[in-house]
Amino acid sequence: MNRRQMLTTSAAAMTAFAARGLPAVATADDQTPRFIDMHTHIGTYTNGNKELTAKALVEWMDQHNIEKAVVLPLVSPESTTYLQLPDAAIKASKEFPDRLIPFCSIDPRAIIRGGVEGLVDILRKYVDQGAKGFGEHKVGLDFDDPLMMRVYEACEQVGIPLLFHIDNIRGKDKPGLPRLENAVRSFPKLNFIGHGPGWWASISGLDDQKSLGGYPNGKVLPGGAIDRLMETYPNIYGDLSAGSGSNAISRDLEFGREFLIRRQDRICFGTDYLQPGQKVPQFDVFKNLDLPSDVRKKIYRGNAERVLDL
């Protein structure tokens, strides 16, 4: 078999795997590491968005060398217009068991009999169905509100990580992230995975509340809360998805590269892909960083495998 025949045969095999919902195997000529995407959604996000089905998500994954993706529910009214329930994420994972990883989520304000133990019972039922974590935790309360802390306690007891969103509306905090720090310190056995404008803006030192809800530009300033928290607490990670994640690295590429190398064991690749045709800047950002191979492997997939126990 000559080189052209070998490549043609390999391409056909990859197409066949994809059609069956299985991860395609990279050829010897494919030097791009396969990704695990820590942050995707299925369904419809808000009015004007197109619906993203599980099948369409997997097809998009095949196009971008993504082997597996976490599917995150959105259950709080502040998080989305059209709620995305855990049952849908779990159903999608049953349809594509080698590709999609379901999370579960419960609004902290829901009526839950039995307090923390009642919540633990609910989470364990989701875990028994395949859920590997809790999130997207995107709730219109202070990050360390007592109802939020009840969720963290339950997740710690069950032993699943929690992926959260912070801005000035959801998971509310202040510059320096003192409310997040209170939660991370209070539940040292719970792995927190950070996402959203308020989290990623905090890669830089901040002195105003408005910045927590936006996408700050320019050089990263000293005193960023993320570095400080990661240095102090071993149970805090970052999900490098959405415009907030790409902006945090691309706004100051020199700092961004050094940050990813410094925190290589705490950062997970993610996109926040949620509708067909969505532009995802993360791929281009990584092309411009020229990270060492071992760092790329950790961020692209290794850290997710460890945190999710894959």
Protein backbone atom coordinates (compact mmCIF):
# COMPACT_ATOMS: atom_id res chain seq x y z
CA MET A 1 0.00 0.00 0.00
CA ASN A 2 1.47 3.36 -1.02
CA ARG A 3 1.26 6.55 1.07
CA ARG A 4 -1.76 7.92 -0.81
CA GLN A 5 -3.69 4.65 -0.43
CA MET A 6 -2.81 4.51 3.28
CA LEU A 7 -4.10 8.04 3.91
CA THR A 8 -7.27 7.38 1.93
CA THR A 9 -7.92 4.21 3.90
CA SER A 10 -7.25 5.97 7.21
CA ALA A 11 -9.63 8.81 6.33
CA ALA A 12 -12.35 6.32 5.43
CA ALA A 13 -11.85 4.52 8.74
CA MET A 14 -12.09 7.77 10.69
CA THR A 15 -15.33 8.65 8.88
CA ALA A 16 -16.75 5.23 9.71
CA PHE A 17 -15.86 5.61 13.38
CA ALA A 18 -17.51 9.04 13.49
CA ALA A 19 -20.68 7.72 11.85
CA ARG A 20 -20.94 5.10 14.58
CA GLY A 21 -20.45 7.71 17.31
CA LEU A 22 -16.98 6.41 18.16
CA PRO A 23 -13.78 8.44 18.58
CA ALA A 24 -11.72 8.50 15.41
CA VAL A 25 -8.14 7.28 15.79
CA ALA A 26 -5.51 9.82 14.77
CA THR A 27 -3.21 8.75 11.91
CA ALA A 28 0.56 8.71 12.18
CA ASP A 29 0.60 11.96 10.21
CA ASP A 30 -1.78 13.72 12.58
CA GLN A 31 0.40 15.58 15.10
CA THR A 32 -2.47 17.47 16.73
CA PRO A 33 -3.26 16.18 20.25
CA ARG A 34 -6.82 15.05 20.74
CA PHE A 35 -8.82 17.35 23.00
CA ILE A 36 -11.18 16.73 25.89
CA ASP A 37 -13.55 19.70 25.94
CA MET A 38 -14.53 20.58 29.51
CA HIS A 39 -17.43 22.84 28.51
CA THR A 40 -20.21 22.32 25.95
CA HIS A 41 -24.01 22.45 25.94
CA ILE A 42 -26.85 20.90 23.96
CA GLY A 43 -30.30 22.32 23.31
CA THR A 44 -31.12 26.00 22.79
CA TYR A 45 -29.45 28.73 24.83
CA THR A 46 -31.59 31.81 24.22
CA ASN A 47 -33.89 33.35 21.62
CA GLY A 48 -32.02 33.82 18.36
CA ASN A 49 -29.79 30.80 18.99
CA LYS A 50 -30.11 27.64 16.93
CA GLU A 51 -30.70 24.33 18.67
CA LEU A 52 -27.63 22.16 19.07
CA THR A 53 -28.38 18.43 19.09
CA ALA A 54 -26.10 15.77 20.51
CA LYS A 55 -25.48 14.46 16.99
CA ALA A 56 -24.52 17.92 15.71
CA LEU A 57 -22.20 18.41 18.69
CA VAL A 58 -20.39 15.14 17.98
CA GLU A 59 -20.08 16.02 14.29
CA TRP A 60 -18.51 19.36 15.25
CA MET A 61 -16.17 17.52 17.64
CA ASP A 62 -15.03 15.27 14.79
CA GLN A 63 -14.16 18.35 12.74
CA HIS A 64 -11.97 19.78 15.53
CA ASN A 65 -10.17 16.71 16.82
CA ILE A 66 -12.15 16.63 20.08
CA GLU A 67 -12.34 13.08 21.41
CA LYS A 68 -14.70 13.72 24.34
CA ALA A 69 -16.77 16.64 25.61
CA VAL A 70 -18.49 17.46 28.88
CA VAL A 71 -22.16 18.35 28.40
CA LEU A 72 -23.28 20.88 31.02
CA PRO A 73 -26.91 21.46 32.06
CA LEU A 74 -28.22 24.96 32.78
CA VAL A 75 -31.06 24.90 35.31
CA SER A 76 -31.21 28.34 36.92
CA PRO A 77 -33.41 31.09 35.44
CA GLU A 78 -30.48 33.50 35.30
CA SER A 79 -28.35 31.01 33.35
CA THR A 80 -30.32 30.63 30.12
CA THR A 81 -33.65 31.34 28.45
CA TYR A 82 -34.36 27.69 27.63
CA LEU A 83 -33.44 25.42 30.52
CA GLN A 84 -31.10 22.53 29.71
CA LEU A 85 -31.84 19.72 32.14
CA PRO A 86 -29.49 17.00 33.45
CA ASP A 87 -31.75 14.34 31.96
CA ALA A 88 -30.96 15.64 28.46
CA ALA A 89 -27.20 15.55 29.12
CA ILE A 90 -27.45 12.00 30.45
CA LYS A 91 -29.57 10.91 27.47
CA ALA A 92 -27.01 12.39 25.07
CA SER A 93 -24.23 10.46 26.82
CA LYS A 94 -26.17 7.23 26.38
CA GLU A 95 -26.46 7.98 22.66
CA PHE A 96 -22.73 8.71 22.36
CA PRO A 97 -21.17 6.92 25.35
CA ASP A 98 -17.58 7.16 24.08
CA ARG A 99 -17.84 10.85 23.24
CA LEU A 100 -20.10 12.79 25.65
CA ILE A 101 -19.65 13.15 29.43
CA PRO A 102 -22.73 14.34 31.34
CA PHE A 103 -22.78 16.65 34.35
CA CYS A 104 -25.77 17.27 36.61
CA SER A 105 -27.04 20.46 38.21
CA ILE A 106 -29.68 21.61 40.70
CA ASP A 107 -30.71 25.17 41.50
CA PRO A 108 -29.75 25.80 45.15
CA ARG A 109 -33.10 27.52 45.70
CA ALA A 110 -35.10 24.40 44.81
CA ILE A 111 -37.17 22.81 47.54
CA ILE A 112 -35.05 19.88 48.74
CA ARG A 113 -36.28 17.71 51.59
CA GLY A 114 -33.61 16.64 54.04
CA GLY A 115 -31.20 19.53 53.55
CA VAL A 116 -27.68 18.52 52.55
CA GLU A 117 -28.42 14.81 52.89
CA GLY A 118 -31.44 15.16 50.62
CA LEU A 119 -29.28 16.90 48.05
CA VAL A 120 -26.62 14.20 48.39
CA ASP A 121 -29.25 11.57 47.65
CA ILE A 122 -30.31 13.41 44.46
CA LEU A 123 -26.72 13.81 43.26
CA ARG A 124 -25.92 10.16 43.85
CA LYS A 125 -28.86 9.17 41.68
CA TYR A 126 -27.45 11.33 38.88
CA VAL A 127 -23.97 9.86 39.40
CA ASP A 128 -25.45 6.36 39.17
CA GLN A 129 -26.77 7.38 35.74
CA GLY A 130 -23.32 8.49 34.60
CA ALA A 131 -22.91 12.10 35.74
CA LYS A 132 -19.23 12.92 36.32
CA GLY A 133 -19.60 16.36 37.88
CA PHE A 134 -21.89 19.24 38.90
CA GLY A 135 -22.43 22.29 36.69
CA GLU A 136 -22.67 24.60 35.02
CA HIS A 137 -23.26 26.21 38.42
CA LYS A 138 -24.56 29.58 37.21
CA VAL A 139 -26.88 31.02 39.85
CA GLY A 140 -28.04 34.54 40.75
CA LEU A 141 -26.73 34.40 44.32
CA ASP A 142 -23.55 35.42 46.09
CA PHE A 143 -20.96 32.72 45.54
CA ASP A 144 -20.88 31.81 49.24
CA ASP A 145 -24.57 32.29 50.00
CA PRO A 146 -25.68 29.59 52.49
CA LEU A 147 -27.76 27.89 49.81
CA MET A 148 -24.72 27.79 47.51
CA MET A 149 -22.54 26.43 50.31
CA ARG A 150 -25.05 23.62 50.78
CA VAL A 151 -24.46 22.58 47.18
CA TYR A 152 -20.68 22.57 47.67
CA GLU A 153 -21.01 20.44 50.79
CA ALA A 154 -23.15 17.91 48.94
CA CYS A 155 -20.76 17.74 45.98
CA GLU A 156 -17.84 17.20 48.35
CA GLN A 157 -19.67 14.35 50.05
CA VAL A 158 -20.54 12.70 46.75
CA GLY A 159 -17.00 13.20 45.41
CA ILE A 160 -17.70 15.02 42.13
CA PRO A 161 -16.11 18.26 40.86
CA LEU A 162 -18.12 21.46 40.46
CA LEU A 163 -17.81 23.76 37.43
CA PHE A 164 -18.94 27.30 38.21
CA HIS A 165 -19.62 30.64 36.50
CA ILE A 166 -18.80 34.01 38.08
CA ASP A 167 -19.86 37.49 36.97
CA ASN A 168 -21.84 40.38 38.45
CA ILE A 169 -25.15 38.55 38.02
CA ARG A 170 -24.39 34.86 38.57
CA GLY A 171 -22.13 33.47 41.30
CA LYS A 172 -21.58 37.02 42.47
CA ASP A 173 -18.29 38.02 44.04
CA LYS A 174 -15.98 41.02 44.53
CA PRO A 175 -12.55 41.94 43.10
CA GLY A 176 -10.07 39.50 44.57
CA LEU A 177 -12.78 36.78 44.72
CA PRO A 178 -13.15 36.59 48.52
CA ARG A 179 -16.47 34.74 48.33
CA LEU A 180 -15.02 32.09 46.05
CA GLU A 181 -12.04 31.77 48.37
CA ASN A 182 -14.36 31.22 51.33
CA ALA A 183 -16.01 28.31 49.48
CA VAL A 184 -12.75 26.79 48.25
CA ARG A 185 -11.25 27.01 51.75
CA SER A 186 -14.38 25.60 53.40
CA PHE A 187 -14.53 22.50 51.18
CA PRO A 188 -10.93 21.42 50.56
CA LYS A 189 -11.90 18.00 49.16
CA LEU A 190 -14.12 19.51 46.44
CA ASN A 191 -12.46 20.38 43.13
CA PHE A 192 -13.80 23.73 41.87
CA ILE A 193 -13.45 24.48 38.13
CA GLY A 194 -13.62 28.21 37.31
CA HIS A 195 -15.32 29.75 34.27
CA GLY A 196 -16.93 33.00 33.20
CA PRO A 197 -16.04 36.70 32.96
CA GLY A 198 -15.59 37.23 36.70
CA TRP A 199 -13.25 34.27 37.02
CA TRP A 200 -11.09 35.01 33.98
CA ALA A 201 -10.99 38.77 34.49
CA SER A 202 -9.34 37.88 37.80
CA ILE A 203 -6.22 36.66 36.00
CA SER A 204 -5.29 40.33 36.45
CA GLY A 205 -5.35 42.59 39.48
CA LEU A 206 -8.72 44.38 39.61
CA ASP A 207 -9.84 47.47 41.49
CA ASP A 208 -13.42 47.92 40.29
CA GLN A 209 -16.57 45.81 40.41
CA LYS A 210 -17.49 46.44 36.77
CA SER A 211 -14.48 44.47 35.52
CA LEU A 212 -15.86 41.27 37.02
CA GLY A 213 -18.69 41.35 34.53
CA GLY A 214 -16.69 42.13 31.40
CA TYR A 215 -13.71 41.31 29.22
CA PRO A 216 -10.84 43.59 30.27
CA ASN A 217 -8.21 44.40 27.65
CA GLY A 218 -4.56 45.32 27.88
CA LYS A 219 -1.64 43.99 29.85
CA VAL A 220 -2.34 41.79 32.84
CA LEU A 221 -1.70 43.68 36.07
CA PRO A 222 -0.04 42.24 39.18
CA GLY A 223 -2.22 40.86 41.96
CA GLY A 224 -4.50 38.54 39.99
CA ALA A 225 -6.70 36.40 42.20
CA ILE A 226 -6.41 33.26 40.05
CA ASP A 227 -2.66 32.89 40.55
CA ARG A 228 -3.01 33.56 44.26
CA LEU A 229 -5.83 31.05 44.72
CA MET A 230 -4.05 28.36 42.71
CA GLU A 231 -0.89 28.90 44.71
CA THR A 232 -2.77 28.58 48.00
CA TYR A 233 -5.44 25.95 47.31
CA PRO A 234 -4.85 22.67 45.45
CA ASN A 235 -8.58 22.24 44.72
CA ILE A 236 -9.11 25.14 42.28
CA TYR A 237 -8.91 24.70 38.49
CA GLY A 238 -9.73 26.80 35.43
CA ASP A 239 -11.87 25.96 32.38
CA LEU A 240 -10.42 27.93 29.47
CA SER A 241 -13.70 28.21 27.54
CA ALA A 242 -15.79 30.99 26.00
CA GLY A 243 -14.74 34.52 25.12
CA SER A 244 -13.73 35.12 28.71
CA GLY A 245 -11.19 32.29 28.68
CA SER A 246 -9.68 33.13 25.30
CA ASN A 247 -9.55 36.84 26.17
CA ALA A 248 -7.72 36.15 29.43
CA ILE A 249 -4.86 34.52 27.51
CA SER A 250 -4.86 36.55 24.28
CA ARG A 251 -5.04 40.01 25.93
CA ASP A 252 -1.39 39.60 26.99
CA LEU A 253 0.08 36.62 25.14
CA GLU A 254 3.43 36.75 26.91
CA PHE A 255 1.78 36.63 30.34
CA GLY A 256 -0.81 34.13 29.06
CA ARG A 257 1.85 31.70 27.91
CA GLU A 258 3.79 31.99 31.16
CA PHE A 259 0.57 31.55 33.15
CA LEU A 260 -0.38 28.36 31.30
CA ILE A 261 3.08 26.91 31.82
CA ARG A 262 3.07 27.92 35.50
CA ARG A 263 -0.42 26.51 36.09
CA GLN A 264 -0.19 23.64 33.63
CA ASP A 265 -1.67 21.18 36.16
CA ARG A 266 -4.75 23.34 36.83
CA ILE A 267 -6.06 24.40 33.39
CA CYS A 268 -8.53 22.44 31.24
CA PHE A 269 -9.29 23.05 27.58
CA GLY A 270 -12.89 24.13 26.93
CA THR A 271 -14.94 25.88 24.26
CA ASP A 272 -18.47 26.62 25.55
CA TYR A 273 -19.80 25.47 22.18
CA LEU A 274 -23.58 25.85 22.36
CA GLN A 275 -25.01 26.44 18.88
CA PRO A 276 -24.28 25.32 15.29
CA GLY A 277 -21.82 27.53 13.44
CA GLN A 278 -20.48 29.20 16.57
CA LYS A 279 -16.98 30.60 16.25
CA VAL A 280 -14.56 29.19 18.81
CA PRO A 281 -11.38 31.27 19.34
CA GLN A 282 -9.53 28.78 21.55
CA PHE A 283 -7.99 26.87 18.64
CA ASP A 284 -6.34 29.98 17.19
CA VAL A 285 -5.20 31.17 20.62
CA PHE A 286 -3.30 27.94 21.22
CA LYS A 287 -1.70 28.09 17.77
CA ASN A 288 -0.13 31.42 18.75
CA LEU A 289 1.26 30.23 22.09
CA ASP A 290 3.84 27.60 21.06
CA LEU A 291 3.49 25.76 24.36
CA PRO A 292 5.81 22.86 25.24
CA SER A 293 4.39 19.50 24.22
CA ASP A 294 4.01 18.21 27.78
CA VAL A 295 2.09 21.35 28.80
CA ARG A 296 -0.26 21.05 25.81
CA LYS A 297 -1.04 17.44 26.64
CA LYS A 298 -1.99 18.32 30.21
CA ILE A 299 -4.21 21.25 29.21
CA TYR A 300 -5.73 19.60 26.15
CA ARG A 301 -6.76 16.40 27.95
CA GLY A 302 -4.58 15.19 30.83
CA ASN A 303 -6.00 17.45 33.53
CA ALA A 304 -9.57 16.65 32.51
CA GLU A 305 -8.82 12.94 32.64
CA ARG A 306 -7.49 13.35 36.17
CA VAL A 307 -10.21 15.66 37.52
CA LEU A 308 -13.03 13.62 35.99
CA ASP A 309 -11.41 10.26 36.74
CA LEU A 310 -11.73 9.13 33.12
